[in-house]
Amino acid sequence: MIKIEHLKKEYPNVTPLKDVSVDIYDGDVISVIGPSGTGKSTLLRCINQMEKPTSGKVWVDGVEITDKKCDMNKVRQKMGMVFQSFNLFGHLTVIENIMLSPVDLLGKSKQEAYDEGMQLLRMVGLAEKAFNYPDELSGGQKQRIAIARTLAMDPNTILLDEPTSALDPTMVGEVQAVIRDLARTGKTMMIVTHEMNFARAISNRIFYMDEGGIYEDGSPEQIFEHPLRENTRRFIKKLKVLELNIESRNYDFLGMAGQIEAYCNKNRIAPKAAGRIQLVFEETVQMLLSILENPRIQAVCEYSEATESAEWTICYGGKQQNVTNSGDELVMALLKGITEEIRYRWEKETALSNRLTVKIQH
């Protein structure tokens, strides 16, 4: 078991990990996902102490490895790491790369290390490459060798830091197949990955990282089908978000129109859909400004890359006012002509209690 308490890692200009506390149980297969720069790789490197945490504690099987007195070389014998860049020794053959650590660190005989190394090469489908050198292999083959080398130490825990990110797309599948087989062995695994289907298929837990920590921890079904938190939902659905706030009738109309145009261009939204996104915002906001005594409006547009669909969520303050029934009839007729669905909900406990959701036609 790995136990992490209040882990923090800061650099001079950024703090990727602000406060991480989590328990990782024996046999867990955890995929670590999230936007770039949210501390996924840093978390793995702190767990095996390749990066020294700024503060916080990490225990592995009851041993505090963040204690300065801890013998990390001994701990790492049972905690393997697979990197993006393979890190094979170019002057050694494949089998020599695999034999090196078991002989030097575990004291195994060369014959024993050779026999076990060949067995591992057969497991990853590369026994015929035993006497080749790394520069004679493809990227996918090198990564499979790197996994076999890690397994040669018989670790209890395996950390994989984006193991397929440096590979040509045609080679990703062969490495993923090896990792899938490995996930069935009962070893504890943490895998940083951007491959969502892969993460969902092999894991029993998903860590979604954001805002300096593990933003959401759940089963694959929860994270991918029913995320509990907003940033998780936006990431999983590949949503691009634009937020605009209006607090006066004299808001910067041209400035906001420019922001919407830039948002549509950046996300390569088709001109027809972009025009409708702009029109829904303009017409809805003008309608609300005509009926609200003290304008307070938050408009959030979400565009899904996966489905190429867009949706405005427009929240406004004041008394309960369902504009789908009481709004300007001409505006509502126009909106219904360019949208798939318009929904209203009253959320009494929130500051902007009126919530209008407008799903735009493709």
Protein backbone atom coordinates (compact mmCIF):
# COMPACT_ATOMS: atom_id res chain seq x y z
CA MET A 1 0.00 0.00 0.00
CA ILE A 2 1.12 3.54 -0.79
CA LYS A 3 -0.11 6.33 1.46
CA ILE A 4 0.33 9.99 0.53
CA GLU A 5 -0.38 12.83 2.95
CA HIS A 6 -0.44 16.54 2.07
CA LEU A 7 2.14 16.17 -0.70
CA LYS A 8 3.33 19.47 -2.17
CA LYS A 9 5.85 20.13 -4.92
CA GLU A 10 6.73 23.64 -5.97
CA TYR A 11 9.25 25.04 -8.42
CA PRO A 12 10.37 28.69 -8.71
CA ASN A 13 7.59 29.62 -11.13
CA VAL A 14 4.92 26.97 -10.66
CA THR A 15 3.41 24.64 -8.05
CA PRO A 16 2.06 21.55 -9.86
CA LEU A 17 1.15 19.74 -6.63
CA LYS A 18 -0.43 21.87 -3.91
CA ASP A 19 -1.94 19.32 -1.54
CA VAL A 20 -2.28 15.63 -2.47
CA SER A 21 -3.56 13.06 0.03
CA VAL A 22 -4.59 9.61 -1.19
CA ASP A 23 -4.28 5.88 -0.46
CA ILE A 24 -3.23 3.48 -3.22
CA TYR A 25 -4.07 -0.12 -2.42
CA ASP A 26 -2.23 -3.29 -3.38
CA GLY A 27 -3.43 -4.45 -6.79
CA ASP A 28 -4.85 -1.08 -7.82
CA VAL A 29 -4.43 -0.24 -11.50
CA ILE A 30 -4.74 3.54 -11.62
CA SER A 31 -4.71 5.70 -14.72
CA VAL A 32 -3.72 9.31 -14.07
CA ILE A 33 -5.33 11.70 -16.54
CA GLY A 34 -5.81 15.43 -16.90
CA PRO A 35 -4.66 18.48 -18.86
CA SER A 36 -0.98 19.11 -19.51
CA GLY A 37 0.86 20.79 -16.65
CA THR A 38 -1.37 19.51 -13.85
CA GLY A 39 1.32 17.49 -12.07
CA LYS A 40 0.64 13.97 -13.35
CA SER A 41 4.26 13.03 -14.05
CA THR A 42 5.41 15.03 -11.01
CA LEU A 43 3.19 12.88 -8.79
CA LEU A 44 4.81 9.67 -10.06
CA ARG A 45 8.31 11.12 -9.68
CA CYS A 46 7.54 12.19 -6.11
CA ILE A 47 6.24 8.72 -5.27
CA ASN A 48 9.55 7.12 -6.25
CA GLN A 49 11.53 10.12 -4.94
CA MET A 50 13.09 11.06 -8.26
CA GLU A 51 11.65 14.45 -7.30
CA LYS A 52 11.91 15.50 -3.67
CA PRO A 53 8.58 16.87 -2.42
CA THR A 54 8.57 20.38 -1.00
CA SER A 55 6.48 19.08 1.89
CA GLY A 56 4.25 16.16 2.79
CA LYS A 57 4.89 12.48 3.40
CA VAL A 58 4.80 9.25 1.38
CA TRP A 59 4.68 5.75 2.87
CA VAL A 60 5.28 2.54 0.93
CA ASP A 61 4.27 -0.63 2.77
CA GLY A 62 4.48 1.22 6.07
CA VAL A 63 7.92 2.74 5.42
CA GLU A 64 8.09 6.53 5.19
CA ILE A 65 10.16 7.05 2.06
CA THR A 66 10.18 10.83 2.49
CA ASP A 67 12.26 10.33 5.64
CA LYS A 68 15.87 11.35 4.93
CA LYS A 69 17.04 8.14 6.61
CA CYS A 70 15.12 5.93 4.18
CA ASP A 71 17.22 3.74 1.88
CA MET A 72 15.57 4.62 -1.44
CA ASN A 73 17.76 2.22 -3.42
CA LYS A 74 16.19 -0.62 -1.47
CA VAL A 75 12.68 0.80 -1.95
CA ARG A 76 13.21 1.20 -5.70
CA GLN A 77 14.06 -2.47 -6.03
CA LYS A 78 10.34 -3.09 -5.45
CA MET A 79 9.09 -0.03 -7.33
CA GLY A 80 9.78 0.01 -11.06
CA MET A 81 9.44 2.97 -13.38
CA VAL A 82 8.87 3.03 -17.14
CA PHE A 83 9.64 6.34 -18.84
CA GLN A 84 8.58 7.98 -22.09
CA SER A 85 12.12 7.83 -23.47
CA PHE A 86 12.95 4.12 -22.89
CA ASN A 87 16.39 4.84 -21.26
CA LEU A 88 18.00 1.67 -22.60
CA PHE A 89 21.79 1.38 -22.63
CA GLY A 90 22.81 1.63 -26.27
CA HIS A 91 26.10 -0.27 -25.83
CA LEU A 92 24.36 -3.34 -24.37
CA THR A 93 22.24 -5.91 -26.17
CA VAL A 94 18.58 -6.29 -25.28
CA ILE A 95 19.19 -9.26 -22.97
CA GLU A 96 22.15 -7.50 -21.34
CA ASN A 97 19.92 -4.48 -20.61
CA ILE A 98 17.45 -6.77 -18.86
CA MET A 99 20.08 -8.76 -16.94
CA LEU A 100 22.04 -5.76 -15.63
CA SER A 101 20.00 -4.78 -12.55
CA PRO A 102 19.13 -8.29 -11.33
CA VAL A 103 22.83 -9.19 -11.39
CA ASP A 104 24.18 -5.92 -9.93
CA LEU A 105 21.41 -5.11 -7.43
CA LEU A 106 19.79 -8.44 -6.56
CA GLY A 107 22.95 -10.55 -6.73
CA LYS A 108 21.51 -13.08 -9.16
CA SER A 109 23.83 -15.24 -11.22
CA LYS A 110 24.18 -14.38 -14.89
CA GLN A 111 22.56 -17.66 -15.86
CA GLU A 112 19.55 -17.06 -13.62
CA ALA A 113 19.20 -13.49 -14.86
CA TYR A 114 19.52 -14.68 -18.47
CA ASP A 115 16.87 -17.39 -18.08
CA GLU A 116 14.43 -15.00 -16.41
CA GLY A 117 15.23 -12.28 -18.95
CA MET A 118 14.45 -14.59 -21.86
CA GLN A 119 11.17 -15.55 -20.21
CA LEU A 120 10.26 -11.87 -19.93
CA LEU A 121 11.20 -11.27 -23.56
CA ARG A 122 8.89 -14.08 -24.58
CA MET A 123 6.16 -12.47 -22.48
CA VAL A 124 6.49 -9.16 -24.38
CA GLY A 125 6.87 -10.98 -27.71
CA LEU A 126 10.49 -10.07 -28.41
CA ALA A 127 12.58 -13.15 -27.64
CA GLU A 128 14.03 -13.07 -31.15
CA LYS A 129 15.50 -9.60 -30.43
CA ALA A 130 17.54 -10.73 -27.41
CA PHE A 131 20.92 -10.15 -29.06
CA ASN A 132 20.03 -7.00 -30.96
CA TYR A 133 21.11 -3.56 -29.81
CA PRO A 134 18.51 -0.86 -28.97
CA ASP A 135 19.24 1.22 -32.08
CA GLU A 136 18.16 -1.77 -34.19
CA LEU A 137 14.64 -1.69 -32.69
CA SER A 138 11.51 0.34 -33.38
CA GLY A 139 10.13 2.70 -30.74
CA GLY A 140 7.41 0.24 -29.77
CA GLN A 141 9.93 -2.56 -29.41
CA LYS A 142 12.19 -0.39 -27.25
CA GLN A 143 9.32 0.42 -24.91
CA ARG A 144 8.39 -3.25 -24.60
CA ILE A 145 12.03 -3.99 -23.73
CA ALA A 146 11.93 -1.19 -21.15
CA ILE A 147 8.87 -2.81 -19.56
CA ALA A 148 10.59 -6.22 -19.53
CA ARG A 149 13.65 -4.63 -17.89
CA THR A 150 11.44 -3.16 -15.18
CA LEU A 151 9.75 -6.53 -14.59
CA ALA A 152 13.16 -8.21 -14.22
CA MET A 153 13.39 -6.66 -10.74
CA ASP A 154 10.02 -8.25 -9.82
CA PRO A 155 8.61 -4.98 -8.42
CA ASN A 156 5.43 -4.83 -6.37
CA THR A 157 4.56 -1.46 -7.88
CA ILE A 158 5.09 -0.23 -11.44
CA LEU A 159 4.88 3.46 -12.39
CA LEU A 160 4.49 4.22 -16.09
CA ASP A 161 4.96 7.81 -17.20
CA GLU A 162 3.17 8.30 -20.53
CA PRO A 163 4.65 5.07 -21.91
CA THR A 164 3.21 5.55 -25.41
CA SER A 165 3.54 9.32 -25.88
CA ALA A 166 6.89 9.13 -27.70
CA LEU A 167 5.73 6.44 -30.11
CA ASP A 168 4.50 6.57 -33.66
CA PRO A 169 0.71 5.94 -33.61
CA THR A 170 1.22 2.63 -35.40
CA MET A 171 3.32 1.35 -32.48
CA VAL A 172 1.05 2.39 -29.61
CA GLY A 173 -1.13 -0.72 -29.76
CA GLU A 174 1.70 -3.20 -29.24
CA VAL A 175 2.84 -1.45 -26.05
CA GLN A 176 -0.71 -1.10 -24.76
CA ALA A 177 -1.25 -4.83 -25.28
CA VAL A 178 1.73 -5.61 -23.03
CA ILE A 179 0.47 -3.20 -20.36
CA ARG A 180 -3.01 -4.76 -20.52
CA ASP A 181 -1.51 -8.18 -19.85
CA LEU A 182 0.55 -6.72 -17.03
CA ALA A 183 -2.53 -5.17 -15.45
CA ARG A 184 -3.98 -8.66 -14.98
CA THR A 185 -1.04 -9.90 -12.89
CA GLY A 186 -2.16 -8.26 -9.64
CA LYS A 187 0.73 -5.81 -9.43
CA THR A 188 0.00 -2.27 -8.30
CA MET A 189 0.24 0.08 -11.28
CA MET A 190 -0.02 3.82 -11.89
CA ILE A 191 -0.09 4.95 -15.51
CA VAL A 192 0.03 8.55 -16.69
CA THR A 193 -1.72 8.54 -20.05
CA HIS A 194 -3.59 10.70 -22.55
CA GLU A 195 -5.25 7.63 -24.12
CA MET A 196 -8.73 7.74 -22.62
CA ASN A 197 -10.06 4.47 -24.09
CA PHE A 198 -6.94 2.68 -22.88
CA ALA A 199 -7.27 4.17 -19.38
CA ARG A 200 -10.89 3.13 -19.18
CA ALA A 201 -10.18 -0.42 -20.34
CA ILE A 202 -7.37 -1.38 -17.96
CA SER A 203 -8.00 0.57 -14.74
CA ASN A 204 -10.03 0.00 -11.62
CA ARG A 205 -9.45 3.64 -10.54
CA ILE A 206 -8.97 6.91 -12.38
CA PHE A 207 -7.24 9.97 -10.94
CA TYR A 208 -8.26 13.15 -12.74
CA MET A 209 -5.68 15.80 -11.86
CA ASP A 210 -6.35 19.53 -11.89
CA GLU A 211 -6.05 22.59 -9.66
CA GLY A 212 -2.90 21.30 -7.97
CA GLY A 213 -4.05 17.87 -6.91
CA ILE A 214 -6.27 14.85 -7.47
CA TYR A 215 -9.40 16.76 -8.46
CA GLU A 216 -11.55 13.62 -8.76
CA ASP A 217 -10.86 9.98 -7.86
CA GLY A 218 -13.31 7.35 -9.01
CA SER A 219 -14.06 4.24 -10.99
CA PRO A 220 -13.78 4.37 -14.80
CA GLU A 221 -17.59 4.33 -15.03
CA GLN A 222 -17.90 7.30 -12.68
CA ILE A 223 -15.18 9.39 -14.28
CA PHE A 224 -16.10 8.71 -17.90
CA GLU A 225 -19.89 8.40 -17.63
CA HIS A 226 -20.95 10.35 -14.53
CA PRO A 227 -18.17 12.74 -13.43
CA LEU A 228 -19.06 14.50 -10.20
CA ARG A 229 -17.09 17.70 -10.76
CA GLU A 230 -17.23 20.33 -13.47
CA ASN A 231 -13.59 20.32 -14.65
CA THR A 232 -13.67 16.54 -14.98
CA ARG A 233 -16.81 16.72 -17.10
CA ARG A 234 -15.32 19.34 -19.39
CA PHE A 235 -12.10 17.38 -19.84
CA ILE A 236 -13.78 14.02 -20.53
CA LYS A 237 -16.20 15.53 -23.03
CA LYS A 238 -13.39 17.58 -24.63
CA LEU A 239 -15.24 20.80 -23.99
CA LYS A 240 -13.78 24.17 -24.93
CA VAL A 241 -15.20 26.82 -22.64
CA LEU A 242 -15.79 30.56 -22.96
CA GLU A 243 -17.15 32.52 -19.99
CA LEU A 244 -18.53 36.05 -20.23
CA ASN A 245 -19.90 38.15 -17.36
CA ILE A 246 -22.23 41.12 -17.65
CA GLU A 247 -22.96 43.43 -14.71
CA SER A 248 -24.21 46.54 -16.49
CA ARG A 249 -26.52 47.54 -19.31
CA ASN A 250 -23.52 49.37 -20.74
CA TYR A 251 -21.42 46.23 -21.16
CA ASP A 252 -18.74 46.06 -23.85
CA PHE A 253 -20.86 44.54 -26.61
CA LEU A 254 -18.21 44.82 -29.33
CA GLY A 255 -15.49 43.45 -27.04
CA MET A 256 -17.53 40.39 -26.13
CA ALA A 257 -18.53 39.83 -29.75
CA GLY A 258 -14.81 39.83 -30.56
CA GLN A 259 -14.13 37.30 -27.79
CA ILE A 260 -16.79 34.99 -29.20
CA GLU A 261 -15.37 35.30 -32.70
CA ALA A 262 -11.84 34.55 -31.45
CA TYR A 263 -13.15 31.56 -29.47
CA CYS A 264 -14.87 30.14 -32.54
CA ASN A 265 -11.80 30.67 -34.73
CA LYS A 266 -9.45 29.11 -32.18
CA ASN A 267 -11.59 25.98 -31.91
CA ARG A 268 -12.23 25.79 -35.67
CA ILE A 269 -15.97 25.92 -35.25
CA ALA A 270 -17.80 25.81 -38.57
CA PRO A 271 -18.98 29.25 -39.76
CA LYS A 272 -22.68 28.33 -39.59
CA ALA A 273 -22.39 27.11 -35.99
CA ALA A 274 -20.20 30.08 -35.06
CA GLY A 275 -22.83 32.47 -36.38
CA ARG A 276 -25.49 30.76 -34.29
CA ILE A 277 -23.29 30.88 -31.18
CA GLN A 278 -22.91 34.63 -31.66
CA LEU A 279 -26.61 35.17 -32.40
CA VAL A 280 -27.86 33.20 -29.38
CA PHE A 281 -25.62 35.24 -27.07
CA GLU A 282 -26.62 38.60 -28.54
CA GLU A 283 -30.37 37.97 -28.65
CA THR A 284 -30.60 36.30 -25.23
CA VAL A 285 -28.55 38.95 -23.46
CA GLN A 286 -30.47 41.82 -25.06
CA MET A 287 -33.76 40.17 -24.06
CA LEU A 288 -32.58 39.75 -20.46
CA LEU A 289 -31.30 43.31 -20.24
CA SER A 290 -34.72 44.57 -21.24
CA ILE A 291 -36.47 42.78 -18.35
CA LEU A 292 -33.91 42.63 -15.51
CA GLU A 293 -33.88 45.49 -13.02
CA ASN A 294 -30.26 44.92 -11.95
CA PRO A 295 -28.42 43.00 -14.65
CA ARG A 296 -26.16 40.23 -13.41
CA ILE A 297 -25.58 37.69 -16.16
CA GLN A 298 -23.04 34.89 -16.54
CA ALA A 299 -22.88 33.29 -19.99
CA VAL A 300 -20.82 30.12 -20.51
CA CYS A 301 -20.40 28.55 -23.95
CA GLU A 302 -19.21 24.94 -24.16
CA TYR A 303 -18.11 23.50 -27.49
CA SER A 304 -17.49 19.75 -27.70
CA GLU A 305 -14.71 18.67 -30.05
CA ALA A 306 -16.00 15.11 -29.80
CA THR A 307 -19.53 15.85 -31.06
CA GLU A 308 -18.92 19.25 -32.73
CA SER A 309 -21.86 20.63 -30.75
CA ALA A 310 -22.20 23.88 -28.79
CA GLU A 311 -24.28 24.90 -25.82
CA TRP A 312 -24.80 28.18 -23.97
CA THR A 313 -25.61 28.17 -20.25
CA ILE A 314 -26.83 31.63 -19.27
CA CYS A 315 -27.43 32.30 -15.59
CA TYR A 316 -29.01 35.50 -14.29
CA GLY A 317 -30.01 36.94 -10.95
CA GLY A 318 -33.23 38.43 -9.64
CA LYS A 319 -36.58 36.85 -9.01
CA GLN A 320 -37.64 33.61 -10.67
CA GLN A 321 -38.19 34.44 -14.33
CA ASN A 322 -38.61 31.73 -16.94
CA VAL A 323 -38.00 33.55 -20.22
CA THR A 324 -39.04 30.50 -22.24
CA ASN A 325 -42.59 31.39 -21.17
CA SER A 326 -42.42 35.11 -20.44
CA GLY A 327 -39.63 36.41 -22.68
CA ASP A 328 -39.90 38.37 -25.89
CA GLU A 329 -41.93 36.21 -28.29
CA LEU A 330 -39.99 37.25 -31.40
CA VAL A 331 -36.64 36.53 -29.73
CA MET A 332 -37.83 33.16 -28.47
CA ALA A 333 -39.17 32.26 -31.93
CA LEU A 334 -35.80 33.18 -33.45
CA LEU A 335 -33.90 31.12 -30.86
CA LYS A 336 -36.14 28.08 -31.35
CA GLY A 337 -35.41 28.22 -35.05
CA ILE A 338 -31.65 27.80 -34.59
CA THR A 339 -31.48 25.58 -31.50
CA GLU A 340 -32.19 21.94 -30.69
CA GLU A 341 -33.32 22.53 -27.13
CA ILE A 342 -33.96 25.38 -24.68
CA ARG A 343 -34.28 24.49 -21.00
CA TYR A 344 -34.95 26.65 -17.95
CA ARG A 345 -34.24 25.72 -14.33
CA TRP A 346 -34.63 27.64 -11.07
CA GLU A 347 -31.74 27.03 -8.65
CA LYS A 348 -32.82 28.78 -5.49
CA GLU A 349 -29.61 28.17 -3.51
CA THR A 350 -27.26 29.79 -6.04
CA ALA A 351 -26.40 33.48 -6.48
CA LEU A 352 -27.63 33.52 -10.09
CA SER A 353 -30.73 31.40 -9.57
CA ASN A 354 -32.20 31.54 -13.09
CA ARG A 355 -30.46 29.06 -15.41
CA LEU A 356 -31.16 28.96 -19.14
CA THR A 357 -29.51 26.24 -21.25
CA VAL A 358 -29.56 26.64 -25.03
CA LYS A 359 -28.30 23.76 -27.20
CA ILE A 360 -27.39 25.01 -30.67
CA GLN A 361 -28.20 23.14 -33.87
CA HIS A 362 -25.23 21.68 -35.76
